Amino acid sequence: DVWDAMTAMTPMGRLGEPHEIAAAVAYLASDDASFVTGSELYVDG
């Protein structure tokens, strides 16, 4: 029921994957985010 509840509460209907968090970190670490500071990036479906 815990798995089903987490999935049901996520609008995209699935759990996220670790590589999706890693991709967000890589973006913020890179110069692609050179004008981004003090922000909060949600990777939460």
ModelCIF file with pLDDT and N, C-alpha, C, O atoms, coordinates in Angstrom:
data_MODEL
#
_entry.id   MODEL 
#
_entity.id                         1 
_entity.type                       polymer 
_entity.pdbx_number_of_molecules   1 
#
_entity_poly.entity_id                      1 
_entity_poly.type                           'polypeptide(L)' 
_entity_poly.nstd_linkage                   no 
_entity_poly.nstd_monomer                   no 
_entity_poly.pdbx_seq_one_letter_code       DVWDAMTAMTPMGRLGEPHEIAAAVAYLASDDASFVTGSELYVDG 
_entity_poly.pdbx_seq_one_letter_code_can   DVWDAMTAMTPMGRLGEPHEIAAAVAYLASDDASFVTGSELYVDG 
_entity_poly.pdbx_strand_id                 A 
#
loop_
_entity_poly_seq.entity_id 
_entity_poly_seq.num 
_entity_poly_seq.mon_id 
_entity_poly_seq.hetero 
1 1  ASP n 
1 2  VAL n 
1 3  TRP n 
1 4  ASP n 
1 5  ALA n 
1 6  MET n 
1 7  THR n 
1 8  ALA n 
1 9  MET n 
1 10 THR n 
1 11 PRO n 
1 12 MET n 
1 13 GLY n 
1 14 ARG n 
1 15 LEU n 
1 16 GLY n 
1 17 GLU n 
1 18 PRO n 
1 19 HIS n 
1 20 GLU n 
1 21 ILE n 
1 22 ALA n 
1 23 ALA n 
1 24 ALA n 
1 25 VAL n 
1 26 ALA n 
1 27 TYR n 
1 28 LEU n 
1 29 ALA n 
1 30 SER n 
1 31 ASP n 
1 32 ASP n 
1 33 ALA n 
1 34 SER n 
1 35 PHE n 
1 36 VAL n 
1 37 THR n 
1 38 GLY n 
1 39 SER n 
1 40 GLU n 
1 41 LEU n 
1 42 TYR n 
1 43 VAL n 
1 44 ASP n 
1 45 GLY n 
#
_struct_asym.id          A 
_struct_asym.entity_id   1 
#
loop_
_ma_qa_metric.id 
_ma_qa_metric.mode 
_ma_qa_metric.name 
_ma_qa_metric.software_group_id 
_ma_qa_metric.type 
1 global pLDDT . pLDDT 
2 local  pLDDT . pLDDT 
#
_ma_qa_metric_global.metric_id      1 
_ma_qa_metric_global.metric_value   95.80 
_ma_qa_metric_global.model_id       1 
_ma_qa_metric_global.ordinal_id     1 
#
loop_
_ma_qa_metric_local.label_asym_id 
_ma_qa_metric_local.label_comp_id 
_ma_qa_metric_local.label_seq_id 
_ma_qa_metric_local.metric_id 
_ma_qa_metric_local.metric_value 
_ma_qa_metric_local.model_id 
_ma_qa_metric_local.ordinal_id 
A ASP 1  2 83.00 1 1  
A VAL 2  2 77.00 1 2  
A TRP 3  2 86.00 1 3  
A ASP 4  2 89.00 1 4  
A ALA 5  2 88.00 1 5  
A MET 6  2 91.00 1 6  
A THR 7  2 93.00 1 7  
A ALA 8  2 94.00 1 8  
A MET 9  2 94.00 1 9  
A THR 10 2 97.00 1 10 
A PRO 11 2 97.00 1 11 
A MET 12 2 98.00 1 12 
A GLY 13 2 96.00 1 13 
A ARG 14 2 95.00 1 14 
A LEU 15 2 95.00 1 15 
A GLY 16 2 97.00 1 16 
A GLU 17 2 97.00 1 17 
A PRO 18 2 98.00 1 18 
A HIS 19 2 98.00 1 19 
A GLU 20 2 98.00 1 20 
A ILE 21 2 98.00 1 21 
A ALA 22 2 98.00 1 22 
A ALA 23 2 98.00 1 23 
A ALA 24 2 98.00 1 24 
A VAL 25 2 98.00 1 25 
A ALA 26 2 98.00 1 26 
A TYR 27 2 98.00 1 27 
A LEU 28 2 98.00 1 28 
A ALA 29 2 98.00 1 29 
A SER 30 2 98.00 1 30 
A ASP 31 2 98.00 1 31 
A ASP 32 2 98.00 1 32 
A ALA 33 2 98.00 1 33 
A SER 34 2 98.00 1 34 
A PHE 35 2 98.00 1 35 
A VAL 36 2 98.00 1 36 
A THR 37 2 98.00 1 37 
A GLY 38 2 98.00 1 38 
A SER 39 2 98.00 1 39 
A GLU 40 2 98.00 1 40 
A LEU 41 2 98.00 1 41 
A TYR 42 2 98.00 1 42 
A VAL 43 2 98.00 1 43 
A ASP 44 2 98.00 1 44 
A GLY 45 2 98.00 1 45 
#
loop_
_atom_site.group_PDB 
_atom_site.id 
_atom_site.type_symbol 
_atom_site.label_atom_id 
_atom_site.label_alt_id 
_atom_site.label_comp_id 
_atom_site.label_asym_id 
_atom_site.label_entity_id 
_atom_site.label_seq_id 
_atom_site.pdbx_PDB_ins_code 
_atom_site.Cartn_x 
_atom_site.Cartn_y 
_atom_site.Cartn_z 
_atom_site.occupancy 
_atom_site.B_iso_or_equiv 
_atom_site.pdbx_formal_charge 
_atom_site.auth_seq_id 
_atom_site.auth_comp_id 
_atom_site.auth_asym_id 
_atom_site.auth_atom_id 
_atom_site.pdbx_PDB_model_num 
ATOM 1   N N  . ASP A 1 1  ? 0.820  -1.209 0.000   1.00 83.00 ? 1  ASP A N  1 
ATOM 2   C CA . ASP A 1 1  ? 0.000  0.000  0.000   1.00 83.00 ? 1  ASP A CA 1 
ATOM 3   C C  . ASP A 1 1  ? 0.859  1.266  0.000   1.00 83.00 ? 1  ASP A C  1 
ATOM 4   O O  . ASP A 1 1  ? 0.457  2.295  -0.544  1.00 83.00 ? 1  ASP A O  1 
ATOM 5   N N  . VAL A 1 2  ? 2.042  1.186  0.612   1.00 77.00 ? 2  VAL A N  1 
ATOM 6   C CA . VAL A 1 2  ? 2.930  2.353  0.656   1.00 77.00 ? 2  VAL A CA 1 
ATOM 7   C C  . VAL A 1 2  ? 3.370  2.730  -0.752  1.00 77.00 ? 2  VAL A C  1 
ATOM 8   O O  . VAL A 1 2  ? 3.333  3.901  -1.129  1.00 77.00 ? 2  VAL A O  1 
ATOM 9   N N  . TRP A 1 3  ? 3.786  1.735  -1.525  1.00 86.00 ? 3  TRP A N  1 
ATOM 10  C CA . TRP A 1 3  ? 4.210  1.970  -2.913  1.00 86.00 ? 3  TRP A CA 1 
ATOM 11  C C  . TRP A 1 3  ? 3.054  2.559  -3.729  1.00 86.00 ? 3  TRP A C  1 
ATOM 12  O O  . TRP A 1 3  ? 3.226  3.519  -4.479  1.00 86.00 ? 3  TRP A O  1 
ATOM 13  N N  . ASP A 1 4  ? 1.895  1.965  -3.561  1.00 89.00 ? 4  ASP A N  1 
ATOM 14  C CA . ASP A 1 4  ? 0.719  2.441  -4.306  1.00 89.00 ? 4  ASP A CA 1 
ATOM 15  C C  . ASP A 1 4  ? 0.356  3.867  -3.918  1.00 89.00 ? 4  ASP A C  1 
ATOM 16  O O  . ASP A 1 4  ? -0.059 4.658  -4.765  1.00 89.00 ? 4  ASP A O  1 
ATOM 17  N N  . ALA A 1 5  ? 0.511  4.200  -2.628  1.00 88.00 ? 5  ALA A N  1 
ATOM 18  C CA . ALA A 1 5  ? 0.178  5.546  -2.159  1.00 88.00 ? 5  ALA A CA 1 
ATOM 19  C C  . ALA A 1 5  ? 1.151  6.572  -2.731  1.00 88.00 ? 5  ALA A C  1 
ATOM 20  O O  . ALA A 1 5  ? 0.733  7.644  -3.169  1.00 88.00 ? 5  ALA A O  1 
ATOM 21  N N  . MET A 1 6  ? 2.442  6.254  -2.732  1.00 91.00 ? 6  MET A N  1 
ATOM 22  C CA . MET A 1 6  ? 3.429  7.185  -3.281  1.00 91.00 ? 6  MET A CA 1 
ATOM 23  C C  . MET A 1 6  ? 3.179  7.421  -4.765  1.00 91.00 ? 6  MET A C  1 
ATOM 24  O O  . MET A 1 6  ? 3.283  8.545  -5.254  1.00 91.00 ? 6  MET A O  1 
ATOM 25  N N  . THR A 1 7  ? 2.851  6.355  -5.465  1.00 93.00 ? 7  THR A N  1 
ATOM 26  C CA . THR A 1 7  ? 2.573  6.473  -6.897  1.00 93.00 ? 7  THR A CA 1 
ATOM 27  C C  . THR A 1 7  ? 1.315  7.299  -7.130  1.00 93.00 ? 7  THR A C  1 
ATOM 28  O O  . THR A 1 7  ? 1.285  8.156  -8.012  1.00 93.00 ? 7  THR A O  1 
ATOM 29  N N  . ALA A 1 8  ? 0.275  7.039  -6.336  1.00 94.00 ? 8  ALA A N  1 
ATOM 30  C CA . ALA A 1 8  ? -0.989 7.749  -6.504  1.00 94.00 ? 8  ALA A CA 1 
ATOM 31  C C  . ALA A 1 8  ? -0.848 9.238  -6.210  1.00 94.00 ? 8  ALA A C  1 
ATOM 32  O O  . ALA A 1 8  ? -1.543 10.057 -6.810  1.00 94.00 ? 8  ALA A O  1 
ATOM 33  N N  . MET A 1 9  ? 0.050  9.595  -5.288  1.00 94.00 ? 9  MET A N  1 
ATOM 34  C CA . MET A 1 9  ? 0.229  10.998 -4.923  1.00 94.00 ? 9  MET A CA 1 
ATOM 35  C C  . MET A 1 9  ? 1.107  11.767 -5.903  1.00 94.00 ? 9  MET A C  1 
ATOM 36  O O  . MET A 1 9  ? 1.222  12.989 -5.812  1.00 94.00 ? 9  MET A O  1 
ATOM 37  N N  . THR A 1 10 ? 1.723  11.055 -6.835  1.00 97.00 ? 10 THR A N  1 
ATOM 38  C CA . THR A 1 10 ? 2.584  11.695 -7.826  1.00 97.00 ? 10 THR A CA 1 
ATOM 39  C C  . THR A 1 10 ? 1.784  11.889 -9.111  1.00 97.00 ? 10 THR A C  1 
ATOM 40  O O  . THR A 1 10 ? 1.405  10.904 -9.745  1.00 97.00 ? 10 THR A O  1 
ATOM 41  N N  . PRO A 1 11 ? 1.516  13.135 -9.513  1.00 97.00 ? 11 PRO A N  1 
ATOM 42  C CA . PRO A 1 11 ? 0.673  13.376 -10.686 1.00 97.00 ? 11 PRO A CA 1 
ATOM 43  C C  . PRO A 1 11 ? 1.119  12.638 -11.944 1.00 97.00 ? 11 PRO A C  1 
ATOM 44  O O  . PRO A 1 11 ? 0.276  12.259 -12.757 1.00 97.00 ? 11 PRO A O  1 
ATOM 45  N N  . MET A 1 12 ? 2.412  12.426 -12.125 1.00 98.00 ? 12 MET A N  1 
ATOM 46  C CA . MET A 1 12 ? 2.874  11.717 -13.316 1.00 98.00 ? 12 MET A CA 1 
ATOM 47  C C  . MET A 1 12 ? 2.619  10.217 -13.239 1.00 98.00 ? 12 MET A C  1 
ATOM 48  O O  . MET A 1 12 ? 2.824  9.502  -14.220 1.00 98.00 ? 12 MET A O  1 
ATOM 49  N N  . GLY A 1 13 ? 2.171  9.735  -12.073 1.00 96.00 ? 13 GLY A N  1 
ATOM 50  C CA . GLY A 1 13 ? 1.767  8.337  -11.954 1.00 96.00 ? 13 GLY A CA 1 
ATOM 51  C C  . GLY A 1 13 ? 2.891  7.338  -11.845 1.00 96.00 ? 13 GLY A C  1 
ATOM 52  O O  . GLY A 1 13 ? 2.689  6.151  -12.102 1.00 96.00 ? 13 GLY A O  1 
ATOM 53  N N  . ARG A 1 14 ? 4.065  7.788  -11.472 1.00 95.00 ? 14 ARG A N  1 
ATOM 54  C CA . ARG A 1 14 ? 5.194  6.866  -11.268 1.00 95.00 ? 14 ARG A CA 1 
ATOM 55  C C  . ARG A 1 14 ? 6.178  7.485  -10.291 1.00 95.00 ? 14 ARG A C  1 
ATOM 56  O O  . ARG A 1 14 ? 6.123  8.683  -10.011 1.00 95.00 ? 14 ARG A O  1 
ATOM 57  N N  . LEU A 1 15 ? 7.076  6.660  -9.777  1.00 95.00 ? 15 LEU A N  1 
ATOM 58  C CA . LEU A 1 15 ? 8.147  7.158  -8.940  1.00 95.00 ? 15 LEU A CA 1 
ATOM 59  C C  . LEU A 1 15 ? 9.289  7.653  -9.818  1.00 95.00 ? 15 LEU A C  1 
ATOM 60  O O  . LEU A 1 15 ? 9.451  7.211  -10.956 1.00 95.00 ? 15 LEU A O  1 
ATOM 61  N N  . GLY A 1 16 ? 10.072 8.570  -9.278  1.00 97.00 ? 16 GLY A N  1 
ATOM 62  C CA . GLY A 1 16 ? 11.230 9.064  -10.008 1.00 97.00 ? 16 GLY A CA 1 
ATOM 63  C C  . GLY A 1 16 ? 12.389 8.085  -9.941  1.00 97.00 ? 16 GLY A C  1 
ATOM 64  O O  . GLY A 1 16 ? 12.377 7.131  -9.164  1.00 97.00 ? 16 GLY A O  1 
ATOM 65  N N  . GLU A 1 17 ? 13.393 8.344  -10.776 1.00 97.00 ? 17 GLU A N  1 
ATOM 66  C CA . GLU A 1 17 ? 14.595 7.510  -10.819 1.00 97.00 ? 17 GLU A CA 1 
ATOM 67  C C  . GLU A 1 17 ? 15.793 8.336  -10.358 1.00 97.00 ? 17 GLU A C  1 
ATOM 68  O O  . GLU A 1 17 ? 15.826 9.547  -10.577 1.00 97.00 ? 17 GLU A O  1 
ATOM 69  N N  . PRO A 1 18 ? 16.783 7.695  -9.720  1.00 98.00 ? 18 PRO A N  1 
ATOM 70  C CA . PRO A 1 18 ? 17.960 8.434  -9.261  1.00 98.00 ? 18 PRO A CA 1 
ATOM 71  C C  . PRO A 1 18 ? 18.640 9.245  -10.358 1.00 98.00 ? 18 PRO A C  1 
ATOM 72  O O  . PRO A 1 18 ? 19.144 10.338 -10.100 1.00 98.00 ? 18 PRO A O  1 
ATOM 73  N N  . HIS A 1 19 ? 18.657 8.716  -11.580 1.00 98.00 ? 19 HIS A N  1 
ATOM 74  C CA . HIS A 1 19 ? 19.340 9.450  -12.646 1.00 98.00 ? 19 HIS A CA 1 
ATOM 75  C C  . HIS A 1 19 ? 18.630 10.760 -12.977 1.00 98.00 ? 19 HIS A C  1 
ATOM 76  O O  . HIS A 1 19 ? 19.240 11.666 -13.544 1.00 98.00 ? 19 HIS A O  1 
ATOM 77  N N  . GLU A 1 20 ? 17.346 10.867 -12.628 1.00 98.00 ? 20 GLU A N  1 
ATOM 78  C CA . GLU A 1 20 ? 16.628 12.113 -12.880 1.00 98.00 ? 20 GLU A CA 1 
ATOM 79  C C  . GLU A 1 20 ? 17.033 13.194 -11.881 1.00 98.00 ? 20 GLU A C  1 
ATOM 80  O O  . GLU A 1 20 ? 17.027 14.380 -12.210 1.00 98.00 ? 20 GLU A O  1 
ATOM 81  N N  . ILE A 1 21 ? 17.383 12.787 -10.668 1.00 98.00 ? 21 ILE A N  1 
ATOM 82  C CA . ILE A 1 21 ? 17.941 13.735 -9.695  1.00 98.00 ? 21 ILE A CA 1 
ATOM 83  C C  . ILE A 1 21 ? 19.354 14.122 -10.115 1.00 98.00 ? 21 ILE A C  1 
ATOM 84  O O  . ILE A 1 21 ? 19.726 15.294 -10.055 1.00 98.00 ? 21 ILE A O  1 
ATOM 85  N N  . ALA A 1 22 ? 20.133 13.143 -10.538 1.00 98.00 ? 22 ALA A N  1 
ATOM 86  C CA . ALA A 1 22 ? 21.509 13.409 -10.962 1.00 98.00 ? 22 ALA A CA 1 
ATOM 87  C C  . ALA A 1 22 ? 21.550 14.385 -12.132 1.00 98.00 ? 22 ALA A C  1 
ATOM 88  O O  . ALA A 1 22 ? 22.445 15.226 -12.210 1.00 98.00 ? 22 ALA A O  1 
ATOM 89  N N  . ALA A 1 23 ? 20.589 14.274 -13.035 1.00 98.00 ? 23 ALA A N  1 
ATOM 90  C CA . ALA A 1 23 ? 20.547 15.188 -14.180 1.00 98.00 ? 23 ALA A CA 1 
ATOM 91  C C  . ALA A 1 23 ? 20.287 16.619 -13.731 1.00 98.00 ? 23 ALA A C  1 
ATOM 92  O O  . ALA A 1 23 ? 20.862 17.559 -14.279 1.00 98.00 ? 23 ALA A O  1 
ATOM 93  N N  . ALA A 1 24 ? 19.423 16.785 -12.736 1.00 98.00 ? 24 ALA A N  1 
ATOM 94  C CA . ALA A 1 24 ? 19.154 18.122 -12.207 1.00 98.00 ? 24 ALA A CA 1 
ATOM 95  C C  . ALA A 1 24 ? 20.395 18.700 -11.550 1.00 98.00 ? 24 ALA A C  1 
ATOM 96  O O  . ALA A 1 24 ? 20.696 19.882 -11.718 1.00 98.00 ? 24 ALA A O  1 
ATOM 97  N N  . VAL A 1 25 ? 21.119 17.873 -10.800 1.00 98.00 ? 25 VAL A N  1 
ATOM 98  C CA . VAL A 1 25 ? 22.348 18.334 -10.155 1.00 98.00 ? 25 VAL A CA 1 
ATOM 99  C C  . VAL A 1 25 ? 23.377 18.739 -11.205 1.00 98.00 ? 25 VAL A C  1 
ATOM 100 O O  . VAL A 1 25 ? 24.035 19.770 -11.071 1.00 98.00 ? 25 VAL A O  1 
ATOM 101 N N  . ALA A 1 26 ? 23.513 17.924 -12.252 1.00 98.00 ? 26 ALA A N  1 
ATOM 102 C CA . ALA A 1 26 ? 24.486 18.220 -13.313 1.00 98.00 ? 26 ALA A CA 1 
ATOM 103 C C  . ALA A 1 26 ? 24.166 19.549 -13.985 1.00 98.00 ? 26 ALA A C  1 
ATOM 104 O O  . ALA A 1 26 ? 25.071 20.326 -14.291 1.00 98.00 ? 26 ALA A O  1 
ATOM 105 N N  . TYR A 1 27 ? 22.894 19.809 -14.214 1.00 98.00 ? 27 TYR A N  1 
ATOM 106 C CA . TYR A 1 27 ? 22.493 21.089 -14.798 1.00 98.00 ? 27 TYR A CA 1 
ATOM 107 C C  . TYR A 1 27 ? 22.905 22.251 -13.906 1.00 98.00 ? 27 TYR A C  1 
ATOM 108 O O  . TYR A 1 27 ? 23.526 23.204 -14.375 1.00 98.00 ? 27 TYR A O  1 
ATOM 109 N N  . LEU A 1 28 ? 22.563 22.179 -12.623 1.00 98.00 ? 28 LEU A N  1 
ATOM 110 C CA . LEU A 1 28 ? 22.869 23.271 -11.708 1.00 98.00 ? 28 LEU A CA 1 
ATOM 111 C C  . LEU A 1 28 ? 24.375 23.444 -11.499 1.00 98.00 ? 28 LEU A C  1 
ATOM 112 O O  . LEU A 1 28 ? 24.839 24.545 -11.203 1.00 98.00 ? 28 LEU A O  1 
ATOM 113 N N  . ALA A 1 29 ? 25.126 22.370 -11.649 1.00 98.00 ? 29 ALA A N  1 
ATOM 114 C CA . ALA A 1 29 ? 26.575 22.446 -11.500 1.00 98.00 ? 29 ALA A CA 1 
ATOM 115 C C  . ALA A 1 29 ? 27.245 23.088 -12.708 1.00 98.00 ? 29 ALA A C  1 
ATOM 116 O O  . ALA A 1 29 ? 28.366 23.587 -12.608 1.00 98.00 ? 29 ALA A O  1 
ATOM 117 N N  . SER A 1 30 ? 26.571 23.077 -13.831 1.00 98.00 ? 30 SER A N  1 
ATOM 118 C CA . SER A 1 30 ? 27.176 23.488 -15.094 1.00 98.00 ? 30 SER A CA 1 
ATOM 119 C C  . SER A 1 30 ? 26.935 24.960 -15.414 1.00 98.00 ? 30 SER A C  1 
ATOM 120 O O  . SER A 1 30 ? 26.156 25.636 -14.742 1.00 98.00 ? 30 SER A O  1 
ATOM 121 N N  . ASP A 1 31 ? 27.617 25.442 -16.451 1.00 98.00 ? 31 ASP A N  1 
ATOM 122 C CA . ASP A 1 31 ? 27.434 26.822 -16.899 1.00 98.00 ? 31 ASP A CA 1 
ATOM 123 C C  . ASP A 1 31 ? 26.087 27.033 -17.579 1.00 98.00 ? 31 ASP A C  1 
ATOM 124 O O  . ASP A 1 31 ? 25.703 28.175 -17.834 1.00 98.00 ? 31 ASP A O  1 
ATOM 125 N N  . ASP A 1 32 ? 25.362 25.957 -17.879 1.00 98.00 ? 32 ASP A N  1 
ATOM 126 C CA . ASP A 1 32 ? 24.000 26.115 -18.392 1.00 98.00 ? 32 ASP A CA 1 
ATOM 127 C C  . ASP A 1 32 ? 23.112 26.813 -17.373 1.00 98.00 ? 32 ASP A C  1 
ATOM 128 O O  . ASP A 1 32 ? 22.087 27.393 -17.728 1.00 98.00 ? 32 ASP A O  1 
ATOM 129 N N  . ALA A 1 33 ? 23.508 26.755 -16.108 1.00 98.00 ? 33 ALA A N  1 
ATOM 130 C CA . ALA A 1 33 ? 22.748 27.402 -15.024 1.00 98.00 ? 33 ALA A CA 1 
ATOM 131 C C  . ALA A 1 33 ? 23.502 28.616 -14.492 1.00 98.00 ? 33 ALA A C  1 
ATOM 132 O O  . ALA A 1 33 ? 23.405 28.934 -13.307 1.00 98.00 ? 33 ALA A O  1 
ATOM 133 N N  . SER A 1 34 ? 24.247 29.290 -15.351 1.00 98.00 ? 34 SER A N  1 
ATOM 134 C CA . SER A 1 34 ? 25.131 30.373 -14.904 1.00 98.00 ? 34 SER A CA 1 
ATOM 135 C C  . SER A 1 34 ? 24.404 31.563 -14.299 1.00 98.00 ? 34 SER A C  1 
ATOM 136 O O  . SER A 1 34 ? 25.020 32.347 -13.578 1.00 98.00 ? 34 SER A O  1 
ATOM 137 N N  . PHE A 1 35 ? 23.102 31.724 -14.572 1.00 98.00 ? 35 PHE A N  1 
ATOM 138 C CA . PHE A 1 35 ? 22.337 32.836 -14.011 1.00 98.00 ? 35 PHE A CA 1 
ATOM 139 C C  . PHE A 1 35 ? 21.296 32.337 -13.017 1.00 98.00 ? 35 PHE A C  1 
ATOM 140 O O  . PHE A 1 35 ? 20.302 33.012 -12.746 1.00 98.00 ? 35 PHE A O  1 
ATOM 141 N N  . VAL A 1 36 ? 21.539 31.141 -12.474 1.00 98.00 ? 36 VAL A N  1 
ATOM 142 C CA . VAL A 1 36 ? 20.599 30.522 -11.541 1.00 98.00 ? 36 VAL A CA 1 
ATOM 143 C C  . VAL A 1 36 ? 21.251 30.407 -10.170 1.00 98.00 ? 36 VAL A C  1 
ATOM 144 O O  . VAL A 1 36 ? 22.221 29.670 -9.997  1.00 98.00 ? 36 VAL A O  1 
ATOM 145 N N  . THR A 1 37 ? 20.720 31.131 -9.207  1.00 98.00 ? 37 THR A N  1 
ATOM 146 C CA . THR A 1 37 ? 21.190 31.001 -7.826  1.00 98.00 ? 37 THR A CA 1 
ATOM 147 C C  . THR A 1 37 ? 20.044 31.325 -6.877  1.00 98.00 ? 37 THR A C  1 
ATOM 148 O O  . THR A 1 37 ? 19.168 32.131 -7.192  1.00 98.00 ? 37 THR A O  1 
ATOM 149 N N  . GLY A 1 38 ? 20.063 30.693 -5.727  1.00 98.00 ? 38 GLY A N  1 
ATOM 150 C CA . GLY A 1 38 ? 18.997 30.885 -4.748  1.00 98.00 ? 38 GLY A CA 1 
ATOM 151 C C  . GLY A 1 38 ? 17.694 30.230 -5.141  1.00 98.00 ? 38 GLY A C  1 
ATOM 152 O O  . GLY A 1 38 ? 16.648 30.532 -4.566  1.00 98.00 ? 38 GLY A O  1 
ATOM 153 N N  . SER A 1 39 ? 17.740 29.335 -6.115  1.00 98.00 ? 39 SER A N  1 
ATOM 154 C CA . SER A 1 39 ? 16.518 28.706 -6.627  1.00 98.00 ? 39 SER A CA 1 
ATOM 155 C C  . SER A 1 39 ? 16.315 27.327 -6.026  1.00 98.00 ? 39 SER A C  1 
ATOM 156 O O  . SER A 1 39 ? 17.236 26.730 -5.469  1.00 98.00 ? 39 SER A O  1 
ATOM 157 N N  . GLU A 1 40 ? 15.097 26.838 -6.148  1.00 98.00 ? 40 GLU A N  1 
ATOM 158 C CA . GLU A 1 40 ? 14.764 25.484 -5.717  1.00 98.00 ? 40 GLU A CA 1 
ATOM 159 C C  . GLU A 1 40 ? 14.184 24.740 -6.913  1.00 98.00 ? 40 GLU A C  1 
ATOM 160 O O  . GLU A 1 40 ? 13.206 25.178 -7.519  1.00 98.00 ? 40 GLU A O  1 
ATOM 161 N N  . LEU A 1 41 ? 14.790 23.626 -7.239  1.00 98.00 ? 41 LEU A N  1 
ATOM 162 C CA . LEU A 1 41 ? 14.380 22.837 -8.400  1.00 98.00 ? 41 LEU A CA 1 
ATOM 163 C C  . LEU A 1 41 ? 13.698 21.565 -7.910  1.00 98.00 ? 41 LEU A C  1 
ATOM 164 O O  . LEU A 1 41 ? 14.316 20.723 -7.257  1.00 98.00 ? 41 LEU A O  1 
ATOM 165 N N  . TYR A 1 42 ? 12.405 21.440 -8.239  1.00 98.00 ? 42 TYR A N  1 
ATOM 166 C CA . TYR A 1 42 ? 11.632 20.275 -7.822  1.00 98.00 ? 42 TYR A CA 1 
ATOM 167 C C  . TYR A 1 42 ? 11.677 19.207 -8.892  1.00 98.00 ? 42 TYR A C  1 
ATOM 168 O O  . TYR A 1 42 ? 11.337 19.447 -10.051 1.00 98.00 ? 42 TYR A O  1 
ATOM 169 N N  . VAL A 1 43 ? 12.100 18.023 -8.486  1.00 98.00 ? 43 VAL A N  1 
ATOM 170 C CA . VAL A 1 43 ? 12.131 16.860 -9.389  1.00 98.00 ? 43 VAL A CA 1 
ATOM 171 C C  . VAL A 1 43 ? 11.219 15.836 -8.739  1.00 98.00 ? 43 VAL A C  1 
ATOM 172 O O  . VAL A 1 43 ? 11.675 14.891 -8.094  1.00 98.00 ? 43 VAL A O  1 
ATOM 173 N N  . ASP A 1 44 ? 9.909  16.046 -8.923  1.00 98.00 ? 44 ASP A N  1 
ATOM 174 C CA . ASP A 1 44 ? 8.930  15.354 -8.086  1.00 98.00 ? 44 ASP A CA 1 
ATOM 175 C C  . ASP A 1 44 ? 7.704  14.863 -8.829  1.00 98.00 ? 44 ASP A C  1 
ATOM 176 O O  . ASP A 1 44 ? 6.714  14.482 -8.204  1.00 98.00 ? 44 ASP A O  1 
ATOM 177 N N  . GLY A 1 45 ? 7.754  14.864 -10.155 1.00 98.00 ? 45 GLY A N  1 
ATOM 178 C CA . GLY A 1 45 ? 6.614  14.362 -10.923 1.00 98.00 ? 45 GLY A CA 1 
ATOM 179 C C  . GLY A 1 45 ? 5.351  15.183 -10.742 1.00 98.00 ? 45 GLY A C  1 
ATOM 180 O O  . GLY A 1 45 ? 4.319  14.868 -11.333 1.00 98.00 ? 45 GLY A O  1 
#
